[in-house]
N, C-alpha and C. Protein backbone atom coordinates (compact mmCIF):
# COMPACT_ATOMS: atom_id res chain seq x y z
N UNK A 1 -36.71 46.76 34.79
CA UNK A 1 -35.93 45.76 33.80
C UNK A 1 -35.35 44.65 34.05
N UNK A 2 -35.53 43.79 32.96
CA UNK A 2 -34.72 42.64 33.11
C UNK A 2 -33.75 42.21 32.14
N UNK A 3 -32.96 41.70 32.52
CA UNK A 3 -31.54 41.59 32.23
C UNK A 3 -31.90 40.54 30.92
N UNK A 4 -31.21 40.65 29.61
CA UNK A 4 -31.30 39.81 28.44
C UNK A 4 -30.19 38.84 28.50
N UNK A 5 -30.33 37.57 28.22
CA UNK A 5 -28.97 36.97 28.43
C UNK A 5 -28.32 36.97 27.34
N UNK A 6 -26.41 37.31 27.30
CA UNK A 6 -26.09 37.49 26.47
C UNK A 6 -26.04 36.33 25.52
N UNK A 7 -25.88 36.90 24.20
CA UNK A 7 -25.45 35.80 23.03
C UNK A 7 -24.22 35.77 22.68
N UNK A 8 -23.68 34.69 21.77
CA UNK A 8 -22.49 34.78 21.80
C UNK A 8 -21.86 35.28 20.35
N UNK A 9 -21.24 35.98 19.98
CA UNK A 9 -21.10 36.61 18.59
C UNK A 9 -20.80 35.33 17.44
N UNK A 10 -20.87 35.53 16.34
CA UNK A 10 -20.35 34.70 15.47
C UNK A 10 -19.03 34.45 15.36
N UNK A 11 -17.80 34.91 15.80
CA UNK A 11 -16.66 34.80 16.11
C UNK A 11 -16.69 33.88 17.30
N UNK A 12 -17.66 34.01 18.43
CA UNK A 12 -17.42 33.44 19.86
C UNK A 12 -17.37 31.50 19.16
N UNK A 13 -19.00 31.93 18.46
CA UNK A 13 -19.37 30.67 17.65
C UNK A 13 -18.04 29.80 16.82
N UNK A 14 -17.70 30.13 16.20
CA UNK A 14 -16.53 29.47 15.40
C UNK A 14 -15.34 29.44 15.91
N UNK A 15 -15.65 29.83 17.03
CA UNK A 15 -13.95 29.47 18.31
C UNK A 15 -14.50 28.36 18.82
N UNK A 16 -15.49 28.46 19.65
CA UNK A 16 -16.05 27.20 19.73
C UNK A 16 -16.30 25.88 19.17
N UNK A 17 -16.92 25.93 18.01
CA UNK A 17 -16.36 24.88 17.29
C UNK A 17 -15.45 24.72 16.60
N UNK A 18 -14.52 25.59 17.00
CA UNK A 18 -13.05 25.03 16.48
C UNK A 18 -12.47 24.19 17.17
N UNK A 19 -12.87 24.64 19.15
CA UNK A 19 -12.39 23.81 19.88
C UNK A 19 -12.76 22.82 19.96
N UNK A 20 -13.79 22.61 19.84
CA UNK A 20 -14.59 21.44 20.32
C UNK A 20 -14.19 20.24 19.22
N UNK A 21 -13.81 20.63 17.81
CA UNK A 21 -13.30 20.04 16.55
C UNK A 21 -11.83 19.58 16.93
N UNK A 22 -10.94 20.33 17.44
CA UNK A 22 -9.51 20.28 17.23
C UNK A 22 -9.23 18.71 17.80
N UNK A 23 -9.31 18.49 19.16
CA UNK A 23 -9.18 17.58 19.99
C UNK A 23 -9.38 15.86 18.82
N UNK A 24 -10.78 16.10 18.51
CA UNK A 24 -11.53 15.32 17.64
C UNK A 24 -10.77 15.24 16.61
N UNK A 25 -10.33 15.69 15.47
CA UNK A 25 -9.64 15.93 14.66
C UNK A 25 -8.52 15.36 14.78
N UNK A 26 -7.70 15.44 16.09
CA UNK A 26 -5.95 15.09 16.01
C UNK A 26 -6.19 13.10 16.22
N UNK A 27 -7.26 13.31 17.59
CA UNK A 27 -7.73 11.59 17.47
C UNK A 27 -7.93 10.96 15.94
N UNK A 28 -8.91 11.34 15.46
CA UNK A 28 -8.76 10.86 14.12
C UNK A 28 -7.78 10.72 12.93
N UNK A 29 -7.19 11.98 13.12
CA UNK A 29 -5.53 11.63 12.29
C UNK A 29 -4.68 10.46 12.75
N UNK A 30 -4.42 10.26 14.00
CA UNK A 30 -4.15 9.83 14.93
C UNK A 30 -4.26 7.93 14.00
N UNK A 31 -5.48 8.15 14.25
CA UNK A 31 -6.27 6.70 13.98
C UNK A 31 -5.73 6.39 12.39
N UNK A 32 -6.54 7.17 11.91
CA UNK A 32 -5.94 6.87 10.25
C UNK A 32 -4.72 6.67 10.46
N UNK A 33 -3.83 7.56 10.39
CA UNK A 33 -2.61 7.03 10.57
C UNK A 33 -1.87 5.30 11.49
N UNK A 34 -3.01 5.24 12.48
CA UNK A 34 -2.40 3.57 12.90
C UNK A 34 -3.05 2.69 11.91
N UNK A 35 -4.33 3.09 11.37
CA UNK A 35 -5.11 2.45 10.51
C UNK A 35 -3.67 1.46 8.97
N UNK A 36 -3.40 3.07 8.39
CA UNK A 36 -2.87 2.56 7.78
C UNK A 36 -1.41 1.79 7.72
N UNK A 37 -0.65 1.83 8.92
CA UNK A 37 -0.28 1.01 9.82
C UNK A 37 -0.42 -0.56 9.82
N UNK A 38 -1.55 -0.74 9.95
CA UNK A 38 -2.50 -2.22 10.34
C UNK A 38 -2.20 -2.60 9.20
N UNK A 39 -2.85 -1.52 8.30
CA UNK A 39 -3.17 -2.53 6.24
C UNK A 39 -1.87 -3.00 5.77
N UNK A 40 -0.86 -1.91 6.07
CA UNK A 40 0.60 -2.59 5.59
C UNK A 40 0.83 -3.73 6.23
N UNK A 41 0.73 -3.89 7.29
CA UNK A 41 1.07 -5.50 8.22
C UNK A 41 0.09 -6.29 6.95
N UNK A 42 -0.83 -6.23 7.43
CA UNK A 42 -2.12 -6.88 7.25
C UNK A 42 -2.05 -7.92 5.38
N UNK A 43 -1.76 -6.83 4.57
CA UNK A 43 -1.98 -6.91 3.13
C UNK A 43 -0.71 -8.14 2.85
N UNK A 44 0.32 -8.58 3.03
CA UNK A 44 1.12 -9.33 3.05
C UNK A 44 0.52 -11.04 3.59
N UNK A 45 -0.06 -10.72 4.71
CA UNK A 45 -0.45 -11.56 5.70
C UNK A 45 -1.76 -11.90 5.02
N UNK A 46 -2.59 -11.25 4.47
CA UNK A 46 -3.52 -12.18 3.37
C UNK A 46 -3.43 -12.33 2.14
N UNK A 47 -2.23 -11.78 1.72
CA UNK A 47 -1.83 -12.24 0.52
C UNK A 47 -1.00 -13.77 0.50
N UNK A 48 -0.67 -13.99 1.76
CA UNK A 48 -0.09 -15.41 2.10
C UNK A 48 -1.11 -16.31 2.02
N UNK A 49 -2.07 -15.99 3.00
CA UNK A 49 -3.53 -16.74 3.24
C UNK A 49 -3.51 -17.29 2.39
N UNK A 50 -3.78 -16.60 1.08
CA UNK A 50 -4.65 -16.25 -0.34
C UNK A 50 -3.62 -17.57 -1.09
N UNK A 51 -2.09 -17.52 -1.09
CA UNK A 51 -1.13 -18.31 -1.64
C UNK A 51 -1.25 -19.69 -1.24
N UNK A 52 -1.89 -19.81 0.18
CA UNK A 52 -2.01 -21.48 0.74
C UNK A 52 -3.42 -21.53 0.84
N UNK A 53 -4.26 -21.20 0.14
CA UNK A 53 -5.48 -21.07 -0.54
C UNK A 53 -6.69 -21.21 1.27
N UNK A 54 -6.50 -20.34 1.67
CA UNK A 54 -7.02 -20.49 3.46
C UNK A 54 -8.68 -19.48 2.31
N UNK A 55 -9.39 -20.19 2.65
CA UNK A 55 -11.08 -19.46 1.98
C UNK A 55 -11.22 -18.17 2.44
N UNK A 56 -11.58 -17.23 1.38
CA UNK A 56 -11.94 -15.86 1.47
C UNK A 56 -12.46 -15.99 2.15
N UNK A 57 -13.62 -16.56 1.92
CA UNK A 57 -14.64 -16.38 3.05
C UNK A 57 -14.10 -16.37 4.95
N UNK A 58 -12.96 -17.36 5.39
CA UNK A 58 -12.24 -17.27 6.52
C UNK A 58 -11.49 -16.11 6.80
N UNK A 59 -10.90 -15.77 5.33
CA UNK A 59 -10.14 -14.42 5.72
C UNK A 59 -11.41 -13.68 5.94
N UNK A 60 -12.26 -13.03 5.48
CA UNK A 60 -13.24 -12.02 5.61
C UNK A 60 -13.61 -11.90 6.85
N UNK A 61 -13.92 -13.28 7.97
CA UNK A 61 -14.20 -13.62 9.07
C UNK A 61 -13.13 -13.04 10.18
N UNK A 62 -11.74 -13.43 9.45
CA UNK A 62 -11.01 -12.61 10.67
C UNK A 62 -10.28 -11.43 10.46
N UNK A 63 -10.92 -11.21 9.18
CA UNK A 63 -9.72 -9.99 8.89
C UNK A 63 -10.84 -8.22 8.54
N UNK A 64 -11.83 -9.13 8.02
CA UNK A 64 -13.13 -7.99 7.80
C UNK A 64 -12.88 -7.82 5.94
N UNK A 65 -11.62 -8.15 5.78
CA UNK A 65 -11.06 -8.22 4.39
C UNK A 65 -11.91 -8.49 3.16
N UNK A 66 -12.61 -7.92 2.14
CA UNK A 66 -13.59 -8.55 1.52
C UNK A 66 -12.83 -9.56 0.44
N UNK A 67 -13.90 -10.64 0.24
CA UNK A 67 -12.95 -11.52 -1.25
C UNK A 67 -12.36 -10.36 -2.01
N UNK A 68 -13.45 -9.95 -2.51
CA UNK A 68 -12.27 -9.05 -4.03
C UNK A 68 -11.04 -7.91 -3.32
N UNK A 69 -11.43 -7.93 -2.13
CA UNK A 69 -10.26 -6.82 -2.04
C UNK A 69 -8.60 -8.40 -1.54
N UNK A 70 -8.95 -9.20 -0.93
CA UNK A 70 -7.82 -9.99 -0.91
C UNK A 70 -8.16 -10.61 -2.02
N UNK A 71 -8.35 -10.87 -2.86
CA UNK A 71 -8.01 -11.21 -5.00
C UNK A 71 -7.24 -10.45 -5.76
N UNK A 72 -7.65 -8.88 -5.28
CA UNK A 72 -6.87 -7.88 -5.70
C UNK A 72 -5.59 -7.90 -5.61
N UNK A 73 -5.68 -8.05 -3.93
CA UNK A 73 -4.22 -7.90 -3.09
C UNK A 73 -3.34 -9.02 -3.48
N UNK A 74 -3.53 -10.11 -3.89
CA UNK A 74 -3.19 -11.15 -3.98
C UNK A 74 -2.63 -11.47 -5.49
N UNK A 75 -3.49 -10.74 -6.63
CA UNK A 75 -3.81 -10.70 -8.21
C UNK A 75 -2.14 -9.41 -8.09
N UNK A 76 -2.29 -8.26 -7.09
CA UNK A 76 -1.55 -6.92 -7.30
C UNK A 76 -0.17 -7.87 -7.26
N UNK A 77 0.31 -8.50 -5.82
CA UNK A 77 1.46 -8.83 -5.53
C UNK A 77 1.93 -10.12 -6.08
N UNK A 78 1.38 -10.40 -6.50
CA UNK A 78 1.72 -12.19 -6.83
C UNK A 78 1.90 -11.90 -8.65
N UNK A 79 1.16 -11.11 -9.10
CA UNK A 79 1.29 -11.29 -10.43
C UNK A 79 -0.07 -12.14 -11.21
């Protein structure tokens, strides 16, 4: 008589999936919060750069903020 390997139950599979997702999800949430902090710091700097006519191309090179976004932020913040 041969022994058949034990199969995981659906509940065990779900628990394993949750255990795998939990630390990744926590890291993702932390990074999103950090990104929001950086964006709050970055936006006024981008607006100031547009104010002094730093080329939009250069702003993109330095920050990856696209020209339409830089222009939008400037228009919204300066009016």
